[in-house]
Amino acid sequence: MDSSKIIAYIIAIIFPPLAVLMAKGVGMDLVINIVLCILGWFPGMLHAAYIVSKSE
């Protein structure tokens, strides 16, 4: 795991939509993450961590 992944995971914990935006760009994943963050911070954080882990 390189330093950019570690930073992405930290951003996923603090501000999940930004981590998804950095990993995937503007798209359906970002919309899903924003909705999950509106419903609660924890689901949004889990989704962001999943997206970061699946990105290259």
PDB file of N, CA and C in Angstrom:
ATOM      1  N   MET A   1       0.858  -1.169   0.000  1.00  0.00           N
ATOM      2  CA  MET A   1       0.000   0.000   0.000  1.00  0.00           C
ATOM      3  C   MET A   1       0.904   1.232   0.000  1.00  0.00           C
ATOM      4  N   ASP A   2       0.653   2.113  -0.948  1.00  0.00           N
ATOM      5  CA  ASP A   2       1.480   3.304  -1.044  1.00  0.00           C
ATOM      6  C   ASP A   2       0.841   4.468  -0.278  1.00  0.00           C
ATOM      7  N   SER A   3       1.556   5.569  -0.222  1.00  0.00           N
ATOM      8  CA  SER A   3       1.108   6.707   0.584  1.00  0.00           C
ATOM      9  C   SER A   3      -0.170   7.342   0.036  1.00  0.00           C
ATOM     10  N   SER A   4      -0.390   7.277  -1.269  1.00  0.00           N
ATOM     11  CA  SER A   4      -1.615   7.871  -1.813  1.00  0.00           C
ATOM     12  C   SER A   4      -2.860   7.099  -1.373  1.00  0.00           C
ATOM     13  N   LYS A   5      -2.747   5.777  -1.239  1.00  0.00           N
ATOM     14  CA  LYS A   5      -3.887   4.977  -0.741  1.00  0.00           C
ATOM     15  C   LYS A   5      -4.159   5.308   0.721  1.00  0.00           C
ATOM     16  N   ILE A   6      -3.105   5.474   1.505  1.00  0.00           N
ATOM     17  CA  ILE A   6      -3.285   5.802   2.918  1.00  0.00           C
ATOM     18  C   ILE A   6      -3.979   7.148   3.057  1.00  0.00           C
ATOM     19  N   ILE A   7      -3.560   8.127   2.266  1.00  0.00           N
ATOM     20  CA  ILE A   7      -4.195   9.437   2.296  1.00  0.00           C
ATOM     21  C   ILE A   7      -5.644   9.331   1.841  1.00  0.00           C
ATOM     22  N   ALA A   8      -5.914   8.515   0.833  1.00  0.00           N
ATOM     23  CA  ALA A   8      -7.289   8.332   0.351  1.00  0.00           C
ATOM     24  C   ALA A   8      -8.171   7.705   1.427  1.00  0.00           C
ATOM     25  N   TYR A   9      -7.642   6.750   2.197  1.00  0.00           N
ATOM     26  CA  TYR A   9      -8.415   6.157   3.283  1.00  0.00           C
ATOM     27  C   TYR A   9      -8.688   7.181   4.388  1.00  0.00           C
ATOM     28  N   ILE A  10      -7.709   8.027   4.689  1.00  0.00           N
ATOM     29  CA  ILE A  10      -7.922   9.065   5.705  1.00  0.00           C
ATOM     30  C   ILE A  10      -8.993  10.037   5.240  1.00  0.00           C
ATOM     31  N   ILE A  11      -8.950  10.427   3.972  1.00  0.00           N
ATOM     32  CA  ILE A  11      -9.978  11.317   3.434  1.00  0.00           C
ATOM     33  C   ILE A  11     -11.335  10.619   3.429  1.00  0.00           C
ATOM     34  N   ALA A  12     -11.345   9.301   3.178  1.00  0.00           N
ATOM     35  CA  ALA A  12     -12.608   8.545   3.193  1.00  0.00           C
ATOM     36  C   ALA A  12     -13.246   8.556   4.576  1.00  0.00           C
ATOM     37  N   ILE A  13     -12.428   8.624   5.602  1.00  0.00           N
ATOM     38  CA  ILE A  13     -12.967   8.678   6.966  1.00  0.00           C
ATOM     39  C   ILE A  13     -13.475  10.080   7.292  1.00  0.00           C
ATOM     40  N   ILE A  14     -12.714  11.097   6.886  1.00  0.00           N
ATOM     41  CA  ILE A  14     -13.056  12.470   7.251  1.00  0.00           C
ATOM     42  C   ILE A  14     -14.177  13.024   6.369  1.00  0.00           C
ATOM     43  N   PHE A  15     -14.028  12.888   5.050  1.00  0.00           N
ATOM     44  CA  PHE A  15     -15.014  13.442   4.104  1.00  0.00           C
ATOM     45  C   PHE A  15     -15.191  12.460   2.953  1.00  0.00           C
ATOM     46  N   PRO A  16     -16.082  11.478   3.116  1.00  0.00           N
ATOM     47  CA  PRO A  16     -16.229  10.388   2.150  1.00  0.00           C
ATOM     48  C   PRO A  16     -16.482  10.806   0.694  1.00  0.00           C
ATOM     49  N   PRO A  17     -17.332  11.802   0.400  1.00  0.00           N
ATOM     50  CA  PRO A  17     -17.544  12.135  -1.017  1.00  0.00           C
ATOM     51  C   PRO A  17     -16.276  12.587  -1.732  1.00  0.00           C
ATOM     52  N   LEU A  18     -15.392  13.255  -1.031  1.00  0.00           N
ATOM     53  CA  LEU A  18     -14.151  13.696  -1.650  1.00  0.00           C
ATOM     54  C   LEU A  18     -13.275  12.509  -2.031  1.00  0.00           C
ATOM     55  N   ALA A  19     -13.246  11.488  -1.202  1.00  0.00           N
ATOM     56  CA  ALA A  19     -12.461  10.292  -1.514  1.00  0.00           C
ATOM     57  C   ALA A  19     -13.025   9.580  -2.737  1.00  0.00           C
ATOM     58  N   VAL A  20     -14.337   9.504  -2.840  1.00  0.00           N
ATOM     59  CA  VAL A  20     -14.960   8.869  -4.007  1.00  0.00           C
ATOM     60  C   VAL A  20     -14.717   9.716  -5.252  1.00  0.00           C
ATOM     61  N   LEU A  21     -14.786  11.012  -5.114  1.00  0.00           N
ATOM     62  CA  LEU A  21     -14.518  11.903  -6.243  1.00  0.00           C
ATOM     63  C   LEU A  21     -13.086  11.727  -6.744  1.00  0.00           C
ATOM     64  N   MET A  22     -12.141  11.607  -5.829  1.00  0.00           N
ATOM     65  CA  MET A  22     -10.743  11.414  -6.215  1.00  0.00           C
ATOM     66  C   MET A  22     -10.523  10.056  -6.862  1.00  0.00           C
ATOM     67  N   ALA A  23     -11.226   9.040  -6.393  1.00  0.00           N
ATOM     68  CA  ALA A  23     -11.012   7.683  -6.899  1.00  0.00           C
ATOM     69  C   ALA A  23     -11.734   7.425  -8.217  1.00  0.00           C
ATOM     70  N   LYS A  24     -12.962   7.899  -8.353  1.00  0.00           N
ATOM     71  CA  LYS A  24     -13.790   7.554  -9.514  1.00  0.00           C
ATOM     72  C   LYS A  24     -14.206   8.741 -10.370  1.00  0.00           C
ATOM     73  N   GLY A  25     -14.105   9.952  -9.857  1.00  0.00           N
ATOM     74  CA  GLY A  25     -14.575  11.109 -10.594  1.00  0.00           C
ATOM     75  C   GLY A  25     -16.072  11.293 -10.393  1.00  0.00           C
ATOM     76  N   VAL A  26     -16.634  12.191 -11.190  1.00  0.00           N
ATOM     77  CA  VAL A  26     -18.067  12.466 -11.095  1.00  0.00           C
ATOM     78  C   VAL A  26     -18.816  11.359 -11.811  1.00  0.00           C
ATOM     79  N   GLY A  27     -19.740  10.739 -11.090  1.00  0.00           N
ATOM     80  CA  GLY A  27     -20.511   9.654 -11.670  1.00  0.00           C
ATOM     81  C   GLY A  27     -21.498   9.108 -10.654  1.00  0.00           C
ATOM     82  N   MET A  28     -21.999   7.935 -10.951  1.00  0.00           N
ATOM     83  CA  MET A  28     -23.013   7.329 -10.105  1.00  0.00           C
ATOM     84  C   MET A  28     -22.465   6.968  -8.719  1.00  0.00           C
ATOM     85  N   ASP A  29     -21.198   6.561  -8.644  1.00  0.00           N
ATOM     86  CA  ASP A  29     -20.615   6.241  -7.341  1.00  0.00           C
ATOM     87  C   ASP A  29     -20.611   7.454  -6.421  1.00  0.00           C
ATOM     88  N   LEU A  30     -20.331   8.617  -6.970  1.00  0.00           N
ATOM     89  CA  LEU A  30     -20.338   9.846  -6.176  1.00  0.00           C
ATOM     90  C   LEU A  30     -21.745  10.173  -5.697  1.00  0.00           C
ATOM     91  N   VAL A  31     -22.740  10.023  -6.567  1.00  0.00           N
ATOM     92  CA  VAL A  31     -24.133  10.296  -6.186  1.00  0.00           C
ATOM     93  C   VAL A  31     -24.567   9.339  -5.079  1.00  0.00           C
ATOM     94  N   ILE A  32     -24.241   8.071  -5.223  1.00  0.00           N
ATOM     95  CA  ILE A  32     -24.588   7.082  -4.199  1.00  0.00           C
ATOM     96  C   ILE A  32     -23.940   7.444  -2.872  1.00  0.00           C
ATOM     97  N   ASN A  33     -22.678   7.861  -2.929  1.00  0.00           N
ATOM     98  CA  ASN A  33     -21.982   8.194  -1.695  1.00  0.00           C
ATOM     99  C   ASN A  33     -22.578   9.434  -1.036  1.00  0.00           C
ATOM    100  N   ILE A  34     -22.956  10.416  -1.807  1.00  0.00           N
ATOM    101  CA  ILE A  34     -23.570  11.616  -1.231  1.00  0.00           C
ATOM    102  C   ILE A  34     -24.892  11.266  -0.557  1.00  0.00           C
ATOM    103  N   VAL A  35     -25.692  10.424  -1.198  1.00  0.00           N
ATOM    104  CA  VAL A  35     -26.961   9.998  -0.591  1.00  0.00           C
ATOM    105  C   VAL A  35     -26.708   9.222   0.695  1.00  0.00           C
ATOM    106  N   LEU A  36     -25.714   8.333   0.683  1.00  0.00           N
ATOM    107  CA  LEU A  36     -25.391   7.582   1.894  1.00  0.00           C
ATOM    108  C   LEU A  36     -24.896   8.495   3.007  1.00  0.00           C
ATOM    109  N   CYS A  37     -24.151   9.527   2.661  1.00  0.00           N
ATOM    110  CA  CYS A  37     -23.684  10.476   3.673  1.00  0.00           C
ATOM    111  C   CYS A  37     -24.832  11.296   4.246  1.00  0.00           C
ATOM    112  N   ILE A  38     -25.821  11.588   3.424  1.00  0.00           N
ATOM    113  CA  ILE A  38     -26.996  12.300   3.925  1.00  0.00           C
ATOM    114  C   ILE A  38     -27.764  11.418   4.908  1.00  0.00           C
ATOM    115  N   LEU A  39     -27.836  10.128   4.604  1.00  0.00           N
ATOM    116  CA  LEU A  39     -28.534   9.198   5.496  1.00  0.00           C
ATOM    117  C   LEU A  39     -27.759   8.932   6.778  1.00  0.00           C
ATOM    118  N   GLY A  40     -26.455   9.089   6.710  1.00  0.00           N
ATOM    119  CA  GLY A  40     -25.624   8.878   7.891  1.00  0.00           C
ATOM    120  C   GLY A  40     -24.164   8.819   7.485  1.00  0.00           C
ATOM    121  N   TRP A  41     -23.308   9.316   8.352  1.00  0.00           N
ATOM    122  CA  TRP A  41     -21.891   9.375   8.021  1.00  0.00           C
ATOM    123  C   TRP A  41     -21.286   7.975   7.857  1.00  0.00           C
ATOM    124  N   PHE A  42     -21.653   7.037   8.705  1.00  0.00           N
ATOM    125  CA  PHE A  42     -21.037   5.710   8.690  1.00  0.00           C
ATOM    126  C   PHE A  42     -21.265   4.955   7.384  1.00  0.00           C
ATOM    127  N   PRO A  43     -22.487   4.890   6.837  1.00  0.00           N
ATOM    128  CA  PRO A  43     -22.659   4.207   5.543  1.00  0.00           C
ATOM    129  C   PRO A  43     -21.857   4.860   4.423  1.00  0.00           C
ATOM    130  N   GLY A  44     -21.790   6.184   4.432  1.00  0.00           N
ATOM    131  CA  GLY A  44     -21.001   6.885   3.438  1.00  0.00           C
ATOM    132  C   GLY A  44     -19.521   6.581   3.554  1.00  0.00           C
ATOM    133  N   MET A  45     -19.038   6.490   4.785  1.00  0.00           N
ATOM    134  CA  MET A  45     -17.638   6.170   5.021  1.00  0.00           C
ATOM    135  C   MET A  45     -17.317   4.744   4.561  1.00  0.00           C
ATOM    136  N   LEU A  46     -18.187   3.803   4.840  1.00  0.00           N
ATOM    137  CA  LEU A  46     -17.967   2.425   4.401  1.00  0.00           C
ATOM    138  C   LEU A  46     -17.948   2.330   2.876  1.00  0.00           C
ATOM    139  N   HIS A  47     -18.859   3.002   2.231  1.00  0.00           N
ATOM    140  CA  HIS A  47     -18.912   2.993   0.775  1.00  0.00           C
ATOM    141  C   HIS A  47     -17.644   3.618   0.195  1.00  0.00           C
ATOM    142  N   ALA A  48     -17.199   4.726   0.772  1.00  0.00           N
ATOM    143  CA  ALA A  48     -15.981   5.392   0.286  1.00  0.00           C
ATOM    144  C   ALA A  48     -14.758   4.491   0.465  1.00  0.00           C
ATOM    145  N   ALA A  49     -14.676   3.827   1.601  1.00  0.00           N
ATOM    146  CA  ALA A  49     -13.541   2.908   1.824  1.00  0.00           C
ATOM    147  C   ALA A  49     -13.562   1.763   0.821  1.00  0.00           C
ATOM    148  N   TYR A  50     -14.756   1.269   0.500  1.00  0.00           N
ATOM    149  CA  TYR A  50     -14.876   0.207  -0.490  1.00  0.00           C
ATOM    150  C   TYR A  50     -14.436   0.694  -1.862  1.00  0.00           C
ATOM    151  N   ILE A  51     -14.862   1.883  -2.254  1.00  0.00           N
ATOM    152  CA  ILE A  51     -14.492   2.441  -3.559  1.00  0.00           C
ATOM    153  C   ILE A  51     -12.987   2.676  -3.626  1.00  0.00           C
ATOM    154  N   VAL A  52     -12.397   3.194  -2.568  1.00  0.00           N
ATOM    155  CA  VAL A  52     -10.956   3.436  -2.553  1.00  0.00           C
ATOM    156  C   VAL A  52     -10.202   2.111  -2.648  1.00  0.00           C
ATOM    157  N   SER A  53     -10.692   1.089  -1.963  1.00  0.00           N
ATOM    158  CA  SER A  53      -9.993  -0.208  -1.990  1.00  0.00           C
ATOM    159  C   SER A  53     -10.083  -0.864  -3.369  1.00  0.00           C
ATOM    160  N   LYS A  54     -11.153  -0.600  -4.108  1.00  0.00           N
ATOM    161  CA  LYS A  54     -11.316  -1.195  -5.435  1.00  0.00           C
ATOM    162  C   LYS A  54     -10.651  -0.391  -6.540  1.00  0.00           C
ATOM    163  N   SER A  55     -10.283   0.861  -6.261  1.00  0.00           N
ATOM    164  CA  SER A  55      -9.645   1.682  -7.294  1.00  0.00           C
ATOM    165  C   SER A  55      -8.177   1.309  -7.427  1.00  0.00           C
ATOM    166  N   GLU A  56      -7.615   1.617  -8.567  1.00  0.00           N
ATOM    167  CA  GLU A  56      -6.225   1.234  -8.823  1.00  0.00           C
ATOM    168  C   GLU A  56      -5.254   2.243  -8.342  1.00  0.00           C
TER     169      GLU A  56
END
